[in-house]
Amino acid sequence: MTNGIRLRLAALLALAILCLASSSSWSATALRVRVPWDRTYLYWLDDFALSASAEKPVAFADWEKEQARYDSFRVPKRFKGKSATLEAPDSGKAGEKSALRSATLVVYDVSTGNEAVETIGFPVDPKGLALKPRDFDEARRVQIKITAQDKPLESARVEFTDIAGRTQTAIVDPGTVGVVEFLDVTVGDATVKVFYGDGKTASQDITIPEERDAPVYFTEVPVAGPADTVEEAAGGAEQKAKAAKHEARRESGAEWTATLIGSLVGIIVLAVIVVVVILVLRSRGVTLDSSLRKLGVQLPEEVSPDAPTGEQPAVQLDPNICQFCGQRKDPQTGQCACSVAPQPAAAPAGSGPRLIGVQGSYAMNIFELKSDVTTIGREPDNVIALPDDTTVSRHHARITLENGIHMITDAGSSNGVFVNGEKTTEWALQPGDEIQVGTTKFRFEV
């Protein structure tokens, strides 16, 4: 291949690349935008303005072709957060027959239905665009239902003028079921004029709030006098508005549910605190009954299932069978399995303070009170351990010697302490007093 052929091929390739470049859209550039809230937004560009070059004005056909290059930027795109880099067209190249001068940027807040509308110049400002809360001053969609005698109007012409003085017009026909819609409305006071019937008019002032229950603002404007109406149509624009209101009520219900859950958590925490306090007081031998009795409150006595409930009818018992453990006594010693005592039953008179078992698993057993504090319970660490009586608490009671007087105190037992058949939390013992813990009874002697 000669050098001449190579040069011709290179020229043809360059020409093809140039043709492709001239027919393509403008390349994209970056536009940095900051918004006041961390939310979800949509954005798009519209109203592209072109500048003619000094050499040649823009003909209509060329203007239409130029506008078509920006169609992809008219499609809404999503971003989330407080800042984003948006895609925008560049402003063309020097020497071209036209260049992009400006465009309208719309940033739509999905959660509120409000939008910010700003004009941006090209080339874009490298510092970006910072939107403030007051910039989101337009409601994207406003729906108004025109009614007569509480029914949708069949036909009318509606003029809507917002606080910025911009007027939009919409037509009511049977297919709209009385509902008309206006876009990009400045929030605040507005005026609705309705032209209907044979030369009739109606006017009403409304206020479009910046914060609404639903992104789409919906209101109703009634007109007076007789007028043609239509029946409600399921699935119409009003149904959509009702659905939006229902969603707002659902969100309000979610807030109520959160409040209820918070209240329940507070109640549970309070209950836990009360239970802990009760357990601490019981561990220190303080009970509700004892506290009330100290305050002078008379309470009915609780009777343990095993406590004496009065005189029982006499029962004839076999003297050779133990009435406590049900086993036959030894014919020589007269003892049975439950007669194994820590000490012999016989004790000389005047041998000191002691408890003598008179009923239950420890009948005929003697426990001397040798120390100033004697604990009674089912656990082996007690001074008087009663492991065979399962109705006795692990630490049931204690007997203390105070100024020569033996005091018995309930140590927080389950079945209580009885002295002479009376349930008590504290008692000064006298010789001959009968003490019951669980199903075991003792007689106090000195």
Protein backbone atom coordinates (compact mmCIF):
# COMPACT_ATOMS: atom_id res chain seq x y z
CA MET A 1 0.00 0.00 0.00
CA THR A 2 1.47 3.32 -1.06
CA ASN A 3 1.77 6.37 1.16
CA GLY A 4 -0.86 8.18 -0.92
CA ILE A 5 -3.47 5.51 -0.25
CA ARG A 6 -2.64 5.56 3.45
CA LEU A 7 -3.16 9.35 3.56
CA ARG A 8 -6.51 9.09 1.79
CA LEU A 9 -7.76 6.42 4.26
CA ALA A 10 -6.66 8.49 7.24
CA ALA A 11 -8.49 11.52 5.88
CA LEU A 12 -11.69 9.50 5.33
CA LEU A 13 -11.51 8.11 8.91
CA ALA A 14 -11.05 11.59 10.36
CA LEU A 15 -14.00 12.88 8.34
CA ALA A 16 -16.23 10.02 9.60
CA ILE A 17 -15.29 10.75 13.24
CA LEU A 18 -16.04 14.43 12.71
CA CYS A 19 -19.46 13.65 11.25
CA LEU A 20 -20.34 11.36 14.17
CA ALA A 21 -19.26 13.98 16.68
CA SER A 22 -21.35 16.68 14.99
CA SER A 23 -24.51 14.52 15.14
CA SER A 24 -24.18 13.46 18.80
CA SER A 25 -25.61 15.17 21.86
CA TRP A 26 -23.63 17.56 23.97
CA SER A 27 -21.41 15.84 26.49
CA ALA A 28 -22.49 15.98 30.14
CA THR A 29 -21.00 18.14 32.87
CA ALA A 30 -21.32 18.03 36.67
CA LEU A 31 -23.52 20.36 38.74
CA ARG A 32 -23.00 20.19 42.51
CA VAL A 33 -26.24 20.81 44.48
CA ARG A 34 -26.73 21.02 48.26
CA VAL A 35 -30.17 20.67 49.87
CA PRO A 36 -31.27 21.45 53.47
CA TRP A 37 -32.64 17.99 54.46
CA ASP A 38 -31.40 14.42 54.26
CA ARG A 39 -34.27 13.08 52.15
CA THR A 40 -35.08 11.54 48.77
CA TYR A 41 -35.37 13.91 45.80
CA LEU A 42 -36.07 13.91 42.07
CA TYR A 43 -34.51 16.42 39.69
CA TRP A 44 -34.83 17.32 36.01
CA LEU A 45 -34.00 20.16 33.61
CA ASP A 46 -36.31 22.03 31.25
CA ASP A 47 -36.73 25.32 29.36
CA PHE A 48 -33.33 25.22 27.70
CA ALA A 49 -32.41 28.68 26.33
CA LEU A 50 -30.00 28.95 23.38
CA SER A 51 -27.77 31.81 22.28
CA ALA A 52 -27.07 32.48 18.58
CA SER A 53 -23.47 32.90 17.59
CA ALA A 54 -22.26 36.16 16.15
CA GLU A 55 -21.87 34.61 12.73
CA LYS A 56 -25.36 33.22 12.15
CA PRO A 57 -28.75 33.35 13.98
CA VAL A 58 -30.53 30.17 14.94
CA ALA A 59 -33.13 29.08 12.43
CA PHE A 60 -36.29 27.36 13.73
CA ALA A 61 -35.28 23.97 12.34
CA ASP A 62 -31.86 24.26 13.95
CA TRP A 63 -33.43 25.40 17.24
CA GLU A 64 -35.76 22.38 17.25
CA LYS A 65 -32.85 20.05 16.51
CA GLU A 66 -30.79 21.69 19.26
CA GLN A 67 -33.61 21.28 21.80
CA ALA A 68 -33.89 17.57 21.00
CA ARG A 69 -30.31 17.11 22.17
CA TYR A 70 -31.38 17.80 25.77
CA ASP A 71 -34.34 15.39 25.97
CA SER A 72 -32.44 12.96 28.21
CA PHE A 73 -32.03 15.72 30.83
CA ARG A 74 -35.81 16.28 30.94
CA VAL A 75 -36.29 12.78 32.41
CA PRO A 76 -36.51 12.89 36.27
CA LYS A 77 -33.62 11.24 38.11
CA ARG A 78 -33.34 10.37 41.78
CA PHE A 79 -30.79 11.26 44.46
CA LYS A 80 -30.74 10.92 48.25
CA GLY A 81 -28.93 12.86 50.95
CA LYS A 82 -28.04 16.50 51.61
CA SER A 83 -25.86 16.91 48.55
CA ALA A 84 -25.40 15.37 45.13
CA THR A 85 -23.58 15.83 41.86
CA LEU A 86 -26.24 16.21 39.18
CA GLU A 87 -25.78 15.48 35.52
CA ALA A 88 -26.23 18.51 33.24
CA PRO A 89 -25.32 19.30 29.62
CA ASP A 90 -22.31 21.41 28.75
CA SER A 91 -22.76 24.78 27.03
CA GLY A 92 -21.48 23.86 23.59
CA LYS A 93 -18.22 24.85 22.00
CA ALA A 94 -16.92 28.17 20.75
CA GLY A 95 -17.55 28.67 17.05
CA GLU A 96 -20.70 26.50 16.99
CA LYS A 97 -23.81 28.04 15.42
CA SER A 98 -25.58 27.92 18.83
CA ALA A 99 -24.72 27.35 22.47
CA LEU A 100 -26.68 26.59 25.65
CA ARG A 101 -27.25 29.72 27.68
CA SER A 102 -29.51 28.64 30.61
CA ALA A 103 -32.04 26.03 31.77
CA THR A 104 -34.57 25.54 34.57
CA LEU A 105 -33.58 23.08 37.31
CA VAL A 106 -36.44 21.48 39.30
CA VAL A 107 -35.59 19.66 42.58
CA TYR A 108 -38.63 17.79 43.96
CA ASP A 109 -38.87 16.71 47.63
CA VAL A 110 -40.59 13.30 47.53
CA SER A 111 -41.70 13.36 51.19
CA THR A 112 -43.41 16.79 51.16
CA GLY A 113 -44.47 17.23 47.53
CA ASN A 114 -42.74 20.64 47.42
CA GLU A 115 -40.14 21.62 44.83
CA ALA A 116 -37.45 24.21 44.29
CA VAL A 117 -37.30 25.79 40.83
CA GLU A 118 -34.06 27.57 39.92
CA THR A 119 -32.59 28.99 36.70
CA ILE A 120 -28.99 27.90 36.14
CA GLY A 121 -26.59 29.43 33.62
CA PHE A 122 -24.07 27.73 31.41
CA PRO A 123 -21.30 27.01 31.82
CA VAL A 124 -22.32 25.92 35.33
CA ASP A 125 -20.90 27.66 38.38
CA PRO A 126 -18.02 25.50 39.75
CA LYS A 127 -19.09 26.50 43.30
CA GLY A 128 -22.35 24.63 42.76
CA LEU A 129 -25.86 25.55 43.92
CA ALA A 130 -26.95 25.72 47.58
CA LEU A 131 -30.74 25.43 48.07
CA LYS A 132 -32.32 26.74 51.27
CA PRO A 133 -35.65 25.74 52.91
CA ARG A 134 -37.35 28.86 51.53
CA ASP A 135 -36.44 27.77 47.99
CA PHE A 136 -38.86 24.81 48.28
CA ASP A 137 -41.85 27.13 47.95
CA GLU A 138 -43.82 25.42 45.17
CA ALA A 139 -46.33 22.61 45.50
CA ARG A 140 -45.87 20.21 42.63
CA ARG A 141 -49.52 19.12 42.44
CA VAL A 142 -52.71 20.83 43.65
CA GLN A 143 -56.07 19.12 43.11
CA ILE A 144 -59.38 20.98 43.47
CA LYS A 145 -62.80 19.35 43.40
CA ILE A 146 -65.62 21.56 42.11
CA THR A 147 -69.01 20.53 43.54
CA ALA A 148 -72.62 21.60 43.43
CA GLN A 149 -75.10 20.27 46.00
CA ASP A 150 -72.30 17.99 47.33
CA LYS A 151 -71.90 16.33 43.92
CA PRO A 152 -69.10 16.73 41.34
CA LEU A 153 -69.77 19.43 38.76
CA GLU A 154 -70.20 18.07 35.24
CA SER A 155 -68.44 20.88 33.32
CA ALA A 156 -66.71 24.16 34.13
CA ARG A 157 -63.69 26.31 33.40
CA VAL A 158 -61.43 26.88 36.41
CA GLU A 159 -58.84 29.65 36.79
CA PHE A 160 -56.27 29.27 39.56
CA THR A 161 -54.08 32.24 40.60
CA ASP A 162 -51.37 31.62 43.18
CA ILE A 163 -49.71 34.09 45.55
CA ALA A 164 -47.02 34.82 42.96
CA GLY A 165 -49.70 36.06 40.55
CA ARG A 166 -49.37 33.18 38.09
CA THR A 167 -52.66 32.00 36.60
CA GLN A 168 -53.39 28.52 35.30
CA THR A 169 -56.58 27.28 33.62
CA ALA A 170 -58.18 23.84 33.61
CA ILE A 171 -61.39 22.37 32.23
CA VAL A 172 -63.84 20.19 34.19
CA ASP A 173 -65.56 17.53 32.09
CA PRO A 174 -67.51 14.37 33.04
CA GLY A 175 -64.33 12.29 32.87
CA THR A 176 -62.57 14.35 35.57
CA VAL A 177 -65.45 13.79 38.05
CA GLY A 178 -65.24 17.43 39.11
CA VAL A 179 -61.49 17.36 39.89
CA VAL A 180 -58.92 19.61 38.19
CA GLU A 181 -55.18 19.63 38.79
CA PHE A 182 -52.61 22.45 38.71
CA LEU A 183 -48.82 22.02 38.68
CA ASP A 184 -45.96 24.05 40.15
CA VAL A 185 -48.07 26.28 42.40
CA THR A 186 -46.43 28.69 44.85
CA VAL A 187 -47.55 27.84 48.39
CA GLY A 188 -49.61 30.41 50.30
CA ASP A 189 -52.84 32.26 49.51
CA ALA A 190 -54.51 31.59 46.18
CA THR A 191 -57.76 32.40 44.36
CA VAL A 192 -59.98 29.89 42.54
CA LYS A 193 -62.50 31.17 39.97
CA VAL A 194 -65.11 28.84 38.50
CA PHE A 195 -67.06 29.63 35.29
CA TYR A 196 -70.00 27.25 34.87
CA GLY A 197 -73.57 26.92 33.65
CA ASP A 198 -75.14 29.79 31.73
CA GLY A 199 -72.78 32.63 32.62
CA LYS A 200 -72.44 31.78 36.31
CA THR A 201 -69.24 32.39 38.24
CA ALA A 202 -67.97 31.53 41.70
CA SER A 203 -64.80 32.60 43.48
CA GLN A 204 -63.11 31.31 46.61
CA ASP A 205 -59.85 32.11 48.38
CA ILE A 206 -57.82 29.13 49.63
CA THR A 207 -54.47 28.71 51.36
CA ILE A 208 -51.97 26.06 50.29
CA PRO A 209 -49.86 25.17 53.34
CA GLU A 210 -46.14 24.55 53.04
CA GLU A 211 -46.46 21.53 55.35
CA ARG A 212 -49.30 19.19 54.39
CA ASP A 213 -50.74 15.83 55.39
CA ALA A 214 -49.99 14.46 51.92
CA PRO A 215 -47.65 15.49 49.07
CA VAL A 216 -50.67 16.22 46.84
CA TYR A 217 -52.76 19.10 48.24
CA PHE A 218 -56.50 18.47 47.83
CA THR A 219 -59.40 20.78 48.60
CA GLU A 220 -63.03 21.27 47.62
CA VAL A 221 -64.67 24.40 46.17
CA PRO A 222 -68.49 24.39 46.11
CA VAL A 223 -70.55 26.55 43.76
CA ALA A 224 -74.05 27.87 44.42
CA GLY A 225 -77.29 27.38 42.55
CA PRO A 226 -78.51 24.57 40.33
CA ALA A 227 -75.92 23.02 38.04
CA ASP A 228 -75.37 19.82 36.11
CA THR A 229 -73.50 17.21 38.18
CA VAL A 230 -72.18 13.69 37.69
CA GLU A 231 -72.06 10.65 39.95
CA GLU A 232 -68.89 9.74 41.81
CA ALA A 233 -66.53 7.51 39.82
CA ALA A 234 -64.45 4.96 41.68
CA GLY A 235 -60.77 5.23 40.92
CA GLY A 236 -60.95 8.94 40.02
CA ALA A 237 -58.69 11.71 41.18
CA GLU A 238 -60.69 12.10 44.39
CA GLN A 239 -60.01 8.48 45.26
CA LYS A 240 -56.30 9.15 44.90
CA ALA A 241 -56.61 12.13 47.24
CA LYS A 242 -58.51 9.99 49.75
CA ALA A 243 -55.76 7.39 49.52
CA ALA A 244 -53.20 10.10 50.28
CA LYS A 245 -55.22 11.20 53.33
CA HIS A 246 -55.47 7.58 54.45
CA GLU A 247 -51.70 7.26 54.22
CA ALA A 248 -51.32 10.36 56.38
CA ARG A 249 -53.69 8.86 58.97
CA ARG A 250 -51.73 5.60 58.85
CA GLU A 251 -48.50 7.48 59.60
CA SER A 252 -50.29 9.23 62.49
CA GLY A 253 -51.37 5.79 63.76
CA ALA A 254 -47.74 4.64 63.60
CA GLU A 255 -46.77 7.59 65.81
CA TRP A 256 -49.55 6.64 68.28
CA THR A 257 -48.30 3.05 68.32
CA ALA A 258 -44.75 4.25 69.07
CA THR A 259 -46.13 6.34 71.97
CA LEU A 260 -48.03 3.32 73.32
CA ILE A 261 -44.94 1.11 73.14
CA GLY A 262 -42.95 3.77 75.00
CA SER A 263 -45.61 3.88 77.74
CA LEU A 264 -45.61 0.08 78.08
CA VAL A 265 -41.82 0.05 78.38
CA GLY A 266 -42.08 2.66 81.15
CA ILE A 267 -44.67 0.56 83.00
CA ILE A 268 -42.50 -2.55 82.73
CA VAL A 269 -39.46 -0.67 84.09
CA LEU A 270 -41.55 0.65 87.00
CA ALA A 271 -42.83 -2.87 87.76
CA VAL A 272 -39.27 -4.23 87.78
CA ILE A 273 -38.22 -1.50 90.24
CA VAL A 274 -41.17 -2.34 92.54
CA VAL A 275 -40.33 -6.07 92.48
CA VAL A 276 -36.67 -5.35 93.31
CA VAL A 277 -37.69 -3.15 96.26
CA ILE A 278 -40.04 -5.86 97.58
CA LEU A 279 -37.33 -8.52 97.30
CA VAL A 280 -34.83 -6.31 99.12
CA LEU A 281 -37.32 -5.63 101.94
CA ARG A 282 -38.19 -9.33 102.25
CA SER A 283 -34.50 -10.23 102.45
CA ARG A 284 -34.30 -7.89 105.45
CA GLY A 285 -37.30 -9.52 107.11
CA VAL A 286 -39.70 -6.65 106.32
CA THR A 287 -43.12 -7.76 105.04
CA LEU A 288 -46.25 -5.84 104.09
CA ASP A 289 -48.20 -7.41 106.97
CA SER A 290 -45.59 -6.41 109.56
CA SER A 291 -45.38 -2.86 108.17
CA LEU A 292 -49.15 -2.41 108.28
CA ARG A 293 -49.40 -3.88 111.80
CA LYS A 294 -46.71 -1.45 113.02
CA LEU A 295 -48.88 1.34 111.62
CA GLY A 296 -51.80 0.01 113.67
CA VAL A 297 -53.74 -1.60 110.83
CA GLN A 298 -55.70 -4.68 111.86
CA LEU A 299 -55.41 -7.42 109.25
CA PRO A 300 -57.15 -10.80 109.07
CA GLU A 301 -54.77 -13.59 109.87
CA GLU A 302 -53.62 -15.80 107.01
CA VAL A 303 -53.90 -19.43 107.94
CA SER A 304 -51.28 -21.73 106.50
CA PRO A 305 -52.61 -24.95 105.01
CA ASP A 306 -50.64 -26.74 107.68
CA ALA A 307 -51.57 -24.34 110.48
CA PRO A 308 -54.08 -25.46 113.11
CA THR A 309 -57.65 -24.53 112.15
CA GLY A 310 -59.40 -25.51 115.39
CA GLU A 311 -60.02 -28.61 117.35
CA GLN A 312 -59.87 -31.79 115.34
CA PRO A 313 -62.00 -34.82 116.17
CA ALA A 314 -60.19 -37.43 118.13
CA VAL A 315 -58.74 -40.21 116.01
CA GLN A 316 -57.86 -43.62 117.40
CA LEU A 317 -54.21 -44.32 116.49
CA ASP A 318 -52.23 -47.53 116.66
CA PRO A 319 -49.64 -46.89 119.39
CA ASN A 320 -47.15 -49.11 117.53
CA ILE A 321 -47.33 -46.93 114.37
CA CYS A 322 -45.65 -43.49 114.29
CA GLN A 323 -48.29 -40.88 113.57
CA PHE A 324 -45.70 -38.69 111.81
CA CYS A 325 -43.71 -40.93 109.47
CA GLY A 326 -46.20 -43.86 109.33
CA GLN A 327 -43.53 -46.46 110.16
CA ARG A 328 -43.76 -49.13 112.87
CA LYS A 329 -41.94 -48.30 116.08
CA ASP A 330 -39.14 -50.42 117.46
CA PRO A 331 -40.79 -52.72 120.10
CA GLN A 332 -37.80 -52.35 122.40
CA THR A 333 -36.89 -48.66 122.13
CA GLY A 334 -40.27 -47.34 120.97
CA GLN A 335 -38.52 -45.23 118.29
CA CYS A 336 -39.01 -45.07 114.51
CA ALA A 337 -37.11 -43.63 111.54
CA CYS A 338 -38.09 -40.05 112.35
CA SER A 339 -36.93 -40.36 115.93
CA VAL A 340 -33.26 -39.90 115.05
CA ALA A 341 -32.54 -36.83 117.10
CA PRO A 342 -29.56 -34.57 117.36
CA GLN A 343 -29.79 -35.07 121.10
CA PRO A 344 -31.49 -37.57 123.41
CA ALA A 345 -35.11 -36.78 124.15
CA ALA A 346 -34.61 -36.84 127.89
CA ALA A 347 -33.17 -33.67 129.27
CA PRO A 348 -32.75 -32.81 132.89
CA ALA A 349 -34.95 -30.05 134.18
CA GLY A 350 -33.33 -26.67 134.25
CA SER A 351 -30.69 -27.52 131.65
CA GLY A 352 -31.15 -24.12 129.92
CA PRO A 353 -33.30 -22.65 127.16
CA ARG A 354 -34.28 -25.21 124.56
CA LEU A 355 -36.85 -26.23 121.97
CA ILE A 356 -38.56 -29.59 122.47
CA GLY A 357 -40.20 -31.18 119.43
CA VAL A 358 -43.83 -32.02 120.12
CA GLN A 359 -45.20 -32.64 116.60
CA GLY A 360 -43.91 -33.38 113.10
CA SER A 361 -40.74 -34.96 111.83
CA TYR A 362 -38.76 -33.72 114.82
CA ALA A 363 -41.12 -34.70 117.62
CA MET A 364 -39.30 -35.84 120.79
CA ASN A 365 -36.13 -34.00 119.67
CA ILE A 366 -34.47 -31.39 121.86
CA PHE A 367 -32.47 -28.43 120.54
CA GLU A 368 -30.59 -26.34 123.07
CA LEU A 369 -30.31 -22.58 122.53
CA LYS A 370 -26.67 -22.11 123.42
CA SER A 371 -25.84 -18.94 121.46
CA ASP A 372 -27.29 -15.45 121.35
CA VAL A 373 -28.53 -16.04 117.80
CA THR A 374 -30.06 -19.35 116.76
CA THR A 375 -31.20 -19.75 113.15
CA ILE A 376 -33.87 -22.26 112.11
CA GLY A 377 -34.34 -23.54 108.56
CA ARG A 378 -34.07 -26.35 106.06
CA GLU A 379 -30.47 -25.58 104.96
CA PRO A 380 -27.64 -27.32 106.84
CA ASP A 381 -25.96 -23.96 107.63
CA ASN A 382 -28.69 -23.22 110.21
CA VAL A 383 -28.04 -23.80 113.92
CA ILE A 384 -31.26 -25.84 114.04
CA ALA A 385 -31.39 -27.58 110.66
CA LEU A 386 -34.69 -29.25 109.73
CA PRO A 387 -33.92 -30.88 106.35
CA ASP A 388 -36.69 -33.51 106.70
CA ASP A 389 -39.51 -30.92 106.84
CA THR A 390 -40.01 -29.69 103.27
CA THR A 391 -42.54 -27.07 104.40
CA VAL A 392 -39.78 -25.21 106.26
CA SER A 393 -38.04 -22.44 104.30
CA ARG A 394 -34.31 -22.57 103.73
CA HIS A 395 -33.87 -19.84 106.36
CA HIS A 396 -37.18 -19.79 108.18
CA ALA A 397 -36.72 -18.04 111.55
CA ARG A 398 -34.19 -16.95 114.13
CA ILE A 399 -34.20 -16.76 117.94
CA THR A 400 -32.12 -14.02 119.55
CA LEU A 401 -31.31 -13.36 123.18
CA GLU A 402 -31.87 -9.69 124.01
CA ASN A 403 -31.59 -8.47 127.58
CA GLY A 404 -32.39 -11.91 128.92
CA ILE A 405 -35.45 -12.30 126.66
CA HIS A 406 -35.60 -14.78 123.79
CA MET A 407 -37.19 -13.18 120.72
CA ILE A 408 -38.30 -15.29 117.74
CA THR A 409 -38.42 -13.46 114.35
CA ASP A 410 -39.73 -14.59 110.96
CA ALA A 411 -36.76 -14.52 108.53
CA GLY A 412 -38.97 -14.09 105.45
CA SER A 413 -40.35 -17.61 105.36
CA SER A 414 -42.97 -18.84 102.91
CA ASN A 415 -45.37 -20.44 105.44
CA GLY A 416 -44.75 -18.09 108.35
CA VAL A 417 -44.04 -18.53 112.06
CA PHE A 418 -46.82 -19.35 114.56
CA VAL A 419 -46.61 -18.93 118.35
CA ASN A 420 -49.47 -20.45 120.32
CA GLY A 421 -51.44 -20.77 117.06
CA GLU A 422 -51.02 -17.08 116.11
CA LYS A 423 -49.00 -16.05 113.09
CA THR A 424 -46.31 -13.53 113.99
CA THR A 425 -43.23 -11.80 112.65
CA GLU A 426 -41.69 -11.16 116.07
CA TRP A 427 -42.56 -12.58 119.54
CA ALA A 428 -41.04 -12.50 123.02
CA LEU A 429 -41.02 -16.15 124.11
CA GLN A 430 -42.23 -17.33 127.46
CA PRO A 431 -41.69 -20.81 128.90
CA GLY A 432 -44.34 -23.18 127.59
CA ASP A 433 -44.96 -21.21 124.37
CA GLU A 434 -45.68 -23.49 121.41
CA ILE A 435 -43.76 -22.58 118.22
CA GLN A 436 -44.69 -23.90 114.76
CA VAL A 437 -42.41 -23.67 111.67
CA GLY A 438 -43.72 -25.58 108.66
CA THR A 439 -45.39 -28.74 109.99
CA THR A 440 -43.00 -29.00 112.96
CA LYS A 441 -44.03 -27.82 116.43
CA PHE A 442 -41.73 -27.07 119.38
CA ARG A 443 -42.30 -26.14 123.02
CA PHE A 444 -40.02 -23.46 124.41
CA GLU A 445 -38.56 -24.34 127.82
CA VAL A 446 -35.90 -22.82 130.04
